[in-house]
N, C-alpha and C. Protein backbone atom coordinates (compact mmCIF):
# COMPACT_ATOMS: atom_id res chain seq x y z
N MET A 1 -24.73 -5.19 5.89
CA MET A 1 -23.42 -5.67 6.24
C MET A 1 -22.50 -4.47 6.44
N GLN A 2 -21.74 -4.49 7.49
CA GLN A 2 -20.84 -3.39 7.83
C GLN A 2 -19.54 -3.51 7.04
N GLU A 3 -19.10 -2.38 6.48
CA GLU A 3 -17.85 -2.35 5.72
C GLU A 3 -16.69 -2.19 6.69
N HIS A 4 -15.66 -3.00 6.50
CA HIS A 4 -14.47 -2.91 7.33
C HIS A 4 -13.38 -2.19 6.56
N LYS A 5 -12.69 -1.29 7.23
CA LYS A 5 -11.57 -0.60 6.61
C LYS A 5 -10.29 -1.05 7.27
N VAL A 6 -9.28 -1.22 6.45
CA VAL A 6 -7.96 -1.58 6.94
C VAL A 6 -7.02 -0.43 6.58
N ILE A 7 -6.20 -0.05 7.50
CA ILE A 7 -5.27 1.06 7.27
C ILE A 7 -3.87 0.49 7.07
N PHE A 8 -3.22 0.94 6.00
CA PHE A 8 -1.84 0.56 5.72
C PHE A 8 -0.99 1.82 5.75
N PHE A 9 0.23 1.69 6.25
CA PHE A 9 1.17 2.80 6.20
C PHE A 9 1.82 2.82 4.83
N ALA A 10 2.00 4.02 4.29
CA ALA A 10 2.60 4.18 2.97
C ALA A 10 3.85 5.04 3.07
N SER A 11 4.81 4.68 2.25
CA SER A 11 6.01 5.48 2.06
C SER A 11 5.86 6.18 0.72
N VAL A 12 6.05 7.50 0.69
CA VAL A 12 5.95 8.27 -0.55
C VAL A 12 7.20 9.12 -0.69
N GLU A 13 7.88 8.96 -1.81
CA GLU A 13 9.09 9.73 -2.09
C GLU A 13 9.05 10.20 -3.53
N GLN A 14 9.64 11.35 -3.78
CA GLN A 14 9.73 11.86 -5.14
C GLN A 14 11.06 11.38 -5.74
N ASP A 15 10.98 10.78 -6.95
CA ASP A 15 12.20 10.28 -7.57
C ASP A 15 12.91 11.37 -8.37
N GLU A 16 14.04 11.02 -8.96
CA GLU A 16 14.87 12.00 -9.66
C GLU A 16 14.19 12.56 -10.92
N ASP A 17 13.15 11.87 -11.43
CA ASP A 17 12.41 12.35 -12.60
C ASP A 17 11.19 13.17 -12.22
N GLY A 18 10.95 13.34 -10.92
CA GLY A 18 9.83 14.14 -10.45
C GLY A 18 8.57 13.35 -10.16
N PHE A 19 8.57 12.03 -10.42
CA PHE A 19 7.41 11.21 -10.11
C PHE A 19 7.39 10.87 -8.62
N TYR A 20 6.21 10.66 -8.09
CA TYR A 20 6.06 10.24 -6.70
C TYR A 20 5.89 8.73 -6.68
N VAL A 21 6.71 8.07 -5.90
CA VAL A 21 6.69 6.62 -5.76
C VAL A 21 6.07 6.30 -4.41
N ALA A 22 5.01 5.50 -4.42
CA ALA A 22 4.30 5.14 -3.19
C ALA A 22 4.38 3.63 -2.98
N GLU A 23 4.63 3.24 -1.74
CA GLU A 23 4.76 1.83 -1.40
C GLU A 23 3.98 1.53 -0.13
N ALA A 24 3.22 0.44 -0.15
CA ALA A 24 2.56 -0.04 1.07
C ALA A 24 3.64 -0.77 1.87
N VAL A 25 4.06 -0.19 2.95
CA VAL A 25 5.22 -0.65 3.70
C VAL A 25 5.12 -2.13 4.10
N ALA A 26 3.97 -2.58 4.51
CA ALA A 26 3.82 -3.94 5.04
C ALA A 26 3.49 -4.99 3.97
N LEU A 27 3.34 -4.57 2.71
CA LEU A 27 2.95 -5.51 1.65
C LEU A 27 4.09 -5.62 0.63
N PRO A 28 4.85 -6.70 0.66
CA PRO A 28 6.00 -6.84 -0.22
C PRO A 28 5.63 -6.68 -1.70
N GLY A 29 6.34 -5.80 -2.38
CA GLY A 29 6.13 -5.59 -3.81
C GLY A 29 4.97 -4.71 -4.18
N CYS A 30 4.28 -4.14 -3.22
CA CYS A 30 3.11 -3.30 -3.50
C CYS A 30 3.57 -1.85 -3.64
N VAL A 31 3.97 -1.51 -4.89
CA VAL A 31 4.57 -0.21 -5.19
C VAL A 31 3.93 0.35 -6.46
N THR A 32 3.75 1.65 -6.51
CA THR A 32 3.23 2.31 -7.70
C THR A 32 3.78 3.73 -7.75
N GLN A 33 3.39 4.48 -8.78
CA GLN A 33 3.86 5.86 -8.89
C GLN A 33 2.80 6.74 -9.53
N GLY A 34 3.01 8.05 -9.43
CA GLY A 34 2.11 9.01 -10.05
C GLY A 34 2.82 10.33 -10.27
N ARG A 35 2.22 11.17 -11.10
CA ARG A 35 2.82 12.49 -11.38
C ARG A 35 2.70 13.43 -10.18
N THR A 36 1.68 13.19 -9.34
CA THR A 36 1.50 13.97 -8.11
C THR A 36 1.45 13.00 -6.94
N GLU A 37 1.63 13.54 -5.75
CA GLU A 37 1.54 12.68 -4.56
C GLU A 37 0.15 12.07 -4.45
N GLN A 38 -0.89 12.86 -4.70
CA GLN A 38 -2.25 12.35 -4.61
C GLN A 38 -2.51 11.24 -5.63
N GLU A 39 -2.00 11.43 -6.85
CA GLU A 39 -2.17 10.39 -7.88
C GLU A 39 -1.48 9.10 -7.44
N ALA A 40 -0.29 9.22 -6.88
CA ALA A 40 0.44 8.04 -6.41
C ALA A 40 -0.34 7.34 -5.30
N LEU A 41 -0.93 8.10 -4.38
CA LEU A 41 -1.68 7.50 -3.28
C LEU A 41 -2.97 6.85 -3.78
N THR A 42 -3.63 7.46 -4.75
CA THR A 42 -4.84 6.87 -5.32
C THR A 42 -4.49 5.55 -6.01
N ARG A 43 -3.40 5.55 -6.76
CA ARG A 43 -2.97 4.32 -7.43
C ARG A 43 -2.54 3.27 -6.40
N LEU A 44 -1.99 3.71 -5.27
CA LEU A 44 -1.59 2.77 -4.24
C LEU A 44 -2.81 2.08 -3.64
N GLN A 45 -3.90 2.80 -3.47
CA GLN A 45 -5.13 2.18 -2.98
C GLN A 45 -5.55 1.04 -3.91
N GLU A 46 -5.47 1.30 -5.22
CA GLU A 46 -5.81 0.27 -6.20
C GLU A 46 -4.82 -0.90 -6.14
N ALA A 47 -3.53 -0.58 -5.97
CA ALA A 47 -2.51 -1.62 -5.89
C ALA A 47 -2.71 -2.49 -4.65
N ILE A 48 -3.07 -1.88 -3.54
CA ILE A 48 -3.31 -2.64 -2.30
C ILE A 48 -4.49 -3.59 -2.50
N ALA A 49 -5.56 -3.09 -3.09
CA ALA A 49 -6.72 -3.95 -3.35
C ALA A 49 -6.33 -5.13 -4.23
N GLY A 50 -5.54 -4.87 -5.26
CA GLY A 50 -5.07 -5.95 -6.13
C GLY A 50 -4.17 -6.93 -5.42
N TRP A 51 -3.30 -6.42 -4.57
CA TRP A 51 -2.40 -7.27 -3.79
C TRP A 51 -3.20 -8.22 -2.90
N LEU A 52 -4.20 -7.64 -2.22
CA LEU A 52 -5.02 -8.45 -1.31
C LEU A 52 -5.84 -9.49 -2.08
N GLU A 53 -6.37 -9.11 -3.24
CA GLU A 53 -7.12 -10.05 -4.08
C GLU A 53 -6.23 -11.19 -4.54
N ALA A 54 -5.00 -10.88 -4.94
CA ALA A 54 -4.06 -11.91 -5.39
C ALA A 54 -3.75 -12.89 -4.26
N GLU A 55 -3.56 -12.37 -3.06
CA GLU A 55 -3.30 -13.25 -1.91
C GLU A 55 -4.51 -14.13 -1.62
N ALA A 56 -5.71 -13.55 -1.71
CA ALA A 56 -6.92 -14.32 -1.46
C ALA A 56 -7.09 -15.41 -2.52
N ALA A 57 -6.72 -15.10 -3.76
CA ALA A 57 -6.84 -16.08 -4.84
C ALA A 57 -5.91 -17.26 -4.63
N LYS A 58 -4.81 -17.03 -3.96
CA LYS A 58 -3.88 -18.11 -3.65
C LYS A 58 -4.42 -18.99 -2.52
N ARG A 59 -5.49 -18.51 -1.90
CA ARG A 59 -6.10 -19.18 -0.74
C ARG A 59 -5.12 -19.29 0.43
N LEU A 60 -4.27 -18.31 0.50
CA LEU A 60 -3.33 -18.21 1.62
C LEU A 60 -3.66 -16.95 2.39
N PRO A 61 -3.45 -16.95 3.69
CA PRO A 61 -3.66 -15.71 4.43
C PRO A 61 -2.63 -14.68 4.02
N ALA A 62 -3.07 -13.44 3.90
CA ALA A 62 -2.15 -12.35 3.58
C ALA A 62 -1.21 -12.16 4.77
N LYS A 63 0.08 -12.21 4.50
CA LYS A 63 1.06 -12.08 5.57
C LYS A 63 1.94 -10.87 5.30
N PRO A 64 1.63 -9.75 5.92
CA PRO A 64 2.50 -8.59 5.78
C PRO A 64 3.90 -8.93 6.26
N LYS A 65 4.92 -8.26 5.69
CA LYS A 65 6.30 -8.57 6.05
C LYS A 65 6.68 -8.09 7.44
N GLU A 66 5.91 -7.17 7.97
CA GLU A 66 6.20 -6.69 9.32
C GLU A 66 4.92 -6.17 9.95
N SER A 67 4.94 -6.07 11.23
CA SER A 67 3.78 -5.58 11.95
C SER A 67 4.13 -4.21 12.52
N LEU A 68 3.44 -3.17 12.04
CA LEU A 68 3.70 -1.81 12.50
C LEU A 68 2.68 -1.40 13.54
N ARG A 69 3.10 -0.60 14.47
CA ARG A 69 2.21 -0.08 15.51
C ARG A 69 2.44 1.42 15.61
N GLU A 70 1.38 2.14 15.92
CA GLU A 70 1.52 3.57 16.21
C GLU A 70 1.93 3.71 17.67
N VAL A 71 2.91 4.54 17.92
CA VAL A 71 3.41 4.77 19.27
C VAL A 71 3.43 6.27 19.51
N SER A 72 2.80 6.71 20.58
CA SER A 72 2.81 8.14 20.94
C SER A 72 3.89 8.38 21.95
N VAL A 73 4.57 9.51 21.80
CA VAL A 73 5.63 9.86 22.74
C VAL A 73 5.34 11.24 23.30
């Protein structure tokens, strides 16, 4: 069976305490943090998986809040 990968855009910002806050832009409430940017992104991967599992458990289709597209200029 072929594994499918889904790509999500993430917002990463450093807060006033020095922690990195990462958010999956298209998934409402899917936010985490870490002491380093890499730690925050690793935790975000886990948070995204949990978010998607929770949506699947509701037996509802996952509906991102917005649809993002890459545009080259």
